[in-house]
N, C-alpha and C. Protein backbone atom coordinates (compact mmCIF):
# COMPACT_ATOMS: atom_id res chain seq x y z
N MET A 1 -35.59 25.82 -7.82
CA MET A 1 -34.20 25.71 -7.40
C MET A 1 -33.94 26.55 -6.15
N LEU A 2 -34.53 27.73 -6.13
CA LEU A 2 -34.34 28.61 -4.98
C LEU A 2 -35.02 28.03 -3.74
N GLY A 3 -36.17 27.37 -3.94
CA GLY A 3 -36.87 26.74 -2.82
C GLY A 3 -36.05 25.60 -2.22
N LEU A 4 -35.39 24.82 -3.06
CA LEU A 4 -34.54 23.73 -2.57
C LEU A 4 -33.36 24.28 -1.78
N LEU A 5 -32.79 25.36 -2.27
CA LEU A 5 -31.68 25.99 -1.56
C LEU A 5 -32.13 26.52 -0.20
N ALA A 6 -33.33 27.08 -0.15
CA ALA A 6 -33.87 27.57 1.12
C ALA A 6 -34.09 26.43 2.10
N VAL A 7 -34.61 25.30 1.61
CA VAL A 7 -34.84 24.14 2.48
C VAL A 7 -33.51 23.59 2.99
N LEU A 8 -32.52 23.48 2.11
CA LEU A 8 -31.22 22.96 2.50
C LEU A 8 -30.49 23.89 3.48
N THR A 9 -30.84 25.15 3.47
CA THR A 9 -30.26 26.10 4.41
C THR A 9 -31.01 26.11 5.73
N LEU A 10 -32.32 26.07 5.68
CA LEU A 10 -33.13 26.19 6.88
C LEU A 10 -33.24 24.90 7.68
N LEU A 11 -33.11 23.75 7.02
CA LEU A 11 -33.23 22.48 7.73
C LEU A 11 -32.16 22.31 8.81
N PRO A 12 -30.86 22.52 8.50
CA PRO A 12 -29.88 22.41 9.59
C PRO A 12 -30.07 23.45 10.69
N ALA A 13 -30.53 24.64 10.32
CA ALA A 13 -30.78 25.66 11.33
C ALA A 13 -31.93 25.23 12.25
N LEU A 14 -32.98 24.69 11.68
CA LEU A 14 -34.11 24.20 12.48
C LEU A 14 -33.67 23.04 13.37
N LEU A 15 -32.88 22.12 12.81
CA LEU A 15 -32.39 21.01 13.62
C LEU A 15 -31.48 21.50 14.74
N GLY A 16 -30.69 22.53 14.48
CA GLY A 16 -29.84 23.10 15.52
C GLY A 16 -30.65 23.67 16.67
N VAL A 17 -31.74 24.33 16.36
CA VAL A 17 -32.61 24.86 17.41
C VAL A 17 -33.24 23.71 18.20
N LEU A 18 -33.64 22.66 17.50
CA LEU A 18 -34.23 21.51 18.18
C LEU A 18 -33.20 20.79 19.06
N VAL A 19 -31.94 20.77 18.62
CA VAL A 19 -30.89 20.18 19.45
C VAL A 19 -30.74 20.98 20.74
N LEU A 20 -30.78 22.29 20.62
CA LEU A 20 -30.68 23.13 21.82
C LEU A 20 -31.86 22.94 22.76
N ARG A 21 -32.98 22.51 22.21
CA ARG A 21 -34.16 22.23 23.05
C ARG A 21 -34.15 20.83 23.62
N GLY A 22 -33.14 20.02 23.22
CA GLY A 22 -32.98 18.70 23.81
C GLY A 22 -33.44 17.53 22.98
N SER A 23 -33.63 17.71 21.69
CA SER A 23 -34.09 16.63 20.84
C SER A 23 -32.92 15.75 20.39
N ASP A 24 -32.95 14.49 20.82
CA ASP A 24 -31.89 13.57 20.42
C ASP A 24 -32.04 13.16 18.96
N VAL A 25 -33.25 13.07 18.46
CA VAL A 25 -33.49 12.74 17.06
C VAL A 25 -32.92 13.84 16.17
N ALA A 26 -33.10 15.09 16.56
CA ALA A 26 -32.55 16.20 15.79
C ALA A 26 -31.03 16.17 15.81
N ARG A 27 -30.44 15.79 16.94
CA ARG A 27 -28.98 15.70 17.04
C ARG A 27 -28.45 14.63 16.09
N LEU A 28 -29.10 13.47 16.08
CA LEU A 28 -28.67 12.40 15.19
C LEU A 28 -28.91 12.75 13.72
N SER A 29 -30.00 13.44 13.44
CA SER A 29 -30.27 13.87 12.06
C SER A 29 -29.22 14.87 11.59
N LEU A 30 -28.86 15.78 12.45
CA LEU A 30 -27.84 16.76 12.10
C LEU A 30 -26.48 16.09 11.91
N LEU A 31 -26.18 15.09 12.73
CA LEU A 31 -24.95 14.32 12.53
C LEU A 31 -24.95 13.64 11.16
N LEU A 32 -26.07 13.08 10.77
CA LEU A 32 -26.17 12.42 9.48
C LEU A 32 -25.99 13.41 8.33
N ILE A 33 -26.60 14.56 8.43
CA ILE A 33 -26.48 15.59 7.39
C ILE A 33 -25.03 16.05 7.26
N VAL A 34 -24.37 16.26 8.38
CA VAL A 34 -22.98 16.72 8.35
C VAL A 34 -22.06 15.62 7.80
N CYS A 35 -22.32 14.37 8.16
CA CYS A 35 -21.53 13.25 7.61
C CYS A 35 -21.66 13.17 6.10
N VAL A 36 -22.88 13.31 5.60
CA VAL A 36 -23.11 13.28 4.16
C VAL A 36 -22.41 14.46 3.49
N SER A 37 -22.44 15.61 4.13
CA SER A 37 -21.77 16.79 3.58
C SER A 37 -20.26 16.58 3.48
N VAL A 38 -19.65 16.04 4.52
CA VAL A 38 -18.20 15.80 4.51
C VAL A 38 -17.86 14.75 3.45
N ALA A 39 -18.65 13.68 3.38
CA ALA A 39 -18.39 12.63 2.39
C ALA A 39 -18.53 13.17 0.96
N THR A 40 -19.53 14.01 0.73
CA THR A 40 -19.73 14.59 -0.59
C THR A 40 -18.57 15.49 -0.98
N GLN A 41 -18.11 16.30 -0.03
CA GLN A 41 -16.98 17.18 -0.31
C GLN A 41 -15.70 16.38 -0.55
N PHE A 42 -15.52 15.27 0.16
CA PHE A 42 -14.35 14.43 -0.05
C PHE A 42 -14.38 13.80 -1.43
N VAL A 43 -15.53 13.26 -1.84
CA VAL A 43 -15.64 12.65 -3.16
C VAL A 43 -15.43 13.69 -4.25
N ALA A 44 -15.96 14.89 -4.07
CA ALA A 44 -15.76 15.96 -5.06
C ALA A 44 -14.29 16.32 -5.16
N TRP A 45 -13.59 16.35 -4.04
CA TRP A 45 -12.16 16.64 -4.07
C TRP A 45 -11.38 15.49 -4.71
N LEU A 46 -11.77 14.27 -4.40
CA LEU A 46 -11.07 13.09 -4.90
C LEU A 46 -11.20 12.97 -6.41
N THR A 47 -12.35 13.30 -6.95
CA THR A 47 -12.58 13.17 -8.39
C THR A 47 -12.31 14.46 -9.15
N ASP A 48 -11.84 15.47 -8.47
CA ASP A 48 -11.56 16.79 -9.10
C ASP A 48 -12.77 17.35 -9.83
N SER A 49 -13.96 17.09 -9.30
CA SER A 49 -15.18 17.55 -9.96
C SER A 49 -15.62 18.94 -9.50
N SER A 50 -14.93 19.50 -8.54
CA SER A 50 -15.28 20.85 -8.12
C SER A 50 -14.01 21.65 -7.90
N ASP A 51 -14.13 22.94 -8.10
CA ASP A 51 -13.00 23.83 -7.85
C ASP A 51 -12.97 24.17 -6.38
N TRP A 52 -11.86 23.88 -5.76
CA TRP A 52 -11.70 24.18 -4.35
C TRP A 52 -11.16 25.59 -4.20
N VAL A 53 -11.98 26.46 -3.69
CA VAL A 53 -11.51 27.77 -3.31
C VAL A 53 -10.98 27.60 -1.90
N LEU A 54 -9.69 27.80 -1.73
CA LEU A 54 -9.02 27.40 -0.50
C LEU A 54 -9.70 27.96 0.74
N GLY A 55 -10.04 29.21 0.75
CA GLY A 55 -10.62 29.80 1.95
C GLY A 55 -12.00 29.27 2.28
N LEU A 56 -12.92 29.31 1.33
CA LEU A 56 -14.31 28.96 1.60
C LEU A 56 -14.50 27.46 1.80
N SER A 57 -13.98 26.65 0.90
CA SER A 57 -14.18 25.21 0.99
C SER A 57 -13.52 24.63 2.23
N LEU A 58 -12.34 25.12 2.54
CA LEU A 58 -11.65 24.63 3.71
C LEU A 58 -12.40 25.02 4.98
N MET A 59 -12.98 26.21 4.99
CA MET A 59 -13.74 26.64 6.15
C MET A 59 -15.02 25.81 6.32
N VAL A 60 -15.68 25.46 5.23
CA VAL A 60 -16.89 24.64 5.31
C VAL A 60 -16.57 23.26 5.86
N VAL A 61 -15.49 22.65 5.37
CA VAL A 61 -15.09 21.34 5.87
C VAL A 61 -14.72 21.42 7.34
N ALA A 62 -13.99 22.47 7.71
CA ALA A 62 -13.59 22.63 9.11
C ALA A 62 -14.80 22.78 10.02
N LEU A 63 -15.80 23.55 9.59
CA LEU A 63 -17.01 23.72 10.40
C LEU A 63 -17.81 22.43 10.48
N ASP A 64 -17.83 21.65 9.39
CA ASP A 64 -18.53 20.37 9.42
C ASP A 64 -17.86 19.41 10.39
N VAL A 65 -16.54 19.35 10.36
CA VAL A 65 -15.82 18.47 11.28
C VAL A 65 -16.02 18.93 12.72
N LEU A 66 -16.02 20.23 12.93
CA LEU A 66 -16.27 20.77 14.26
C LEU A 66 -17.67 20.40 14.76
N ALA A 67 -18.65 20.46 13.88
CA ALA A 67 -20.01 20.06 14.25
C ALA A 67 -20.08 18.57 14.57
N LEU A 68 -19.36 17.76 13.79
CA LEU A 68 -19.32 16.32 14.09
C LEU A 68 -18.75 16.07 15.47
N LEU A 69 -17.66 16.73 15.77
CA LEU A 69 -17.04 16.54 17.09
C LEU A 69 -17.95 17.03 18.22
N ALA A 70 -18.61 18.15 18.01
CA ALA A 70 -19.44 18.71 19.06
C ALA A 70 -20.70 17.88 19.31
N LEU A 71 -21.27 17.30 18.26
CA LEU A 71 -22.54 16.59 18.40
C LEU A 71 -22.38 15.11 18.71
N SER A 72 -21.17 14.57 18.58
CA SER A 72 -21.02 13.13 18.74
C SER A 72 -20.47 12.72 20.10
N GLY A 73 -20.14 13.64 20.93
CA GLY A 73 -19.55 13.30 22.22
C GLY A 73 -20.57 12.90 23.27
N ARG A 74 -20.04 12.38 24.36
CA ARG A 74 -20.91 11.98 25.48
C ARG A 74 -21.61 13.19 26.10
N ALA A 75 -20.90 14.30 26.14
CA ALA A 75 -21.51 15.50 26.72
C ALA A 75 -22.74 15.94 25.93
N ALA A 76 -22.68 15.83 24.60
CA ALA A 76 -23.83 16.20 23.77
C ALA A 76 -25.00 15.25 24.02
N ARG A 77 -24.70 13.97 24.18
CA ARG A 77 -25.75 12.99 24.47
C ARG A 77 -26.39 13.26 25.83
N ARG A 78 -25.53 13.54 26.83
CA ARG A 78 -26.07 13.83 28.17
C ARG A 78 -26.89 15.10 28.16
N PHE A 79 -26.45 16.10 27.39
CA PHE A 79 -27.21 17.35 27.29
C PHE A 79 -28.60 17.08 26.72
N SER A 80 -28.65 16.29 25.65
CA SER A 80 -29.95 15.97 25.04
C SER A 80 -30.84 15.20 25.99
N GLU A 81 -30.28 14.23 26.67
CA GLU A 81 -31.07 13.43 27.61
C GLU A 81 -31.50 14.26 28.82
N GLY A 82 -30.62 15.13 29.31
CA GLY A 82 -30.95 15.96 30.45
C GLY A 82 -32.03 16.98 30.14
N ARG A 83 -31.95 17.57 28.96
CA ARG A 83 -32.97 18.55 28.56
C ARG A 83 -34.31 17.88 28.31
N ARG A 84 -34.26 16.65 27.86
CA ARG A 84 -35.50 15.94 27.57
C ARG A 84 -36.23 15.58 28.85
N LEU A 85 -35.47 15.29 29.93
CA LEU A 85 -36.08 14.91 31.19
C LEU A 85 -36.68 16.07 31.96
N ASP A 86 -36.18 17.28 31.68
CA ASP A 86 -36.69 18.48 32.40
C ASP A 86 -38.05 18.88 31.92
């Protein structure tokens, strides 16, 4: 269980580093992970299957939405393509 938690924590961090190095595949993978995270949190809220701690849960959703906005724009795509060509 601890190993799975470590993988789930380190995978987005590794993908973030790869995005900074210009990997478009890493950017799209990170977008997919964040989309799944937001959808999972929405379904959990909709079905009342998890206790929402207002501060922490709201901050996680806000950071996920911020990551979606940052990684899905044209500037992010140009950054990935520009870094890849260098």
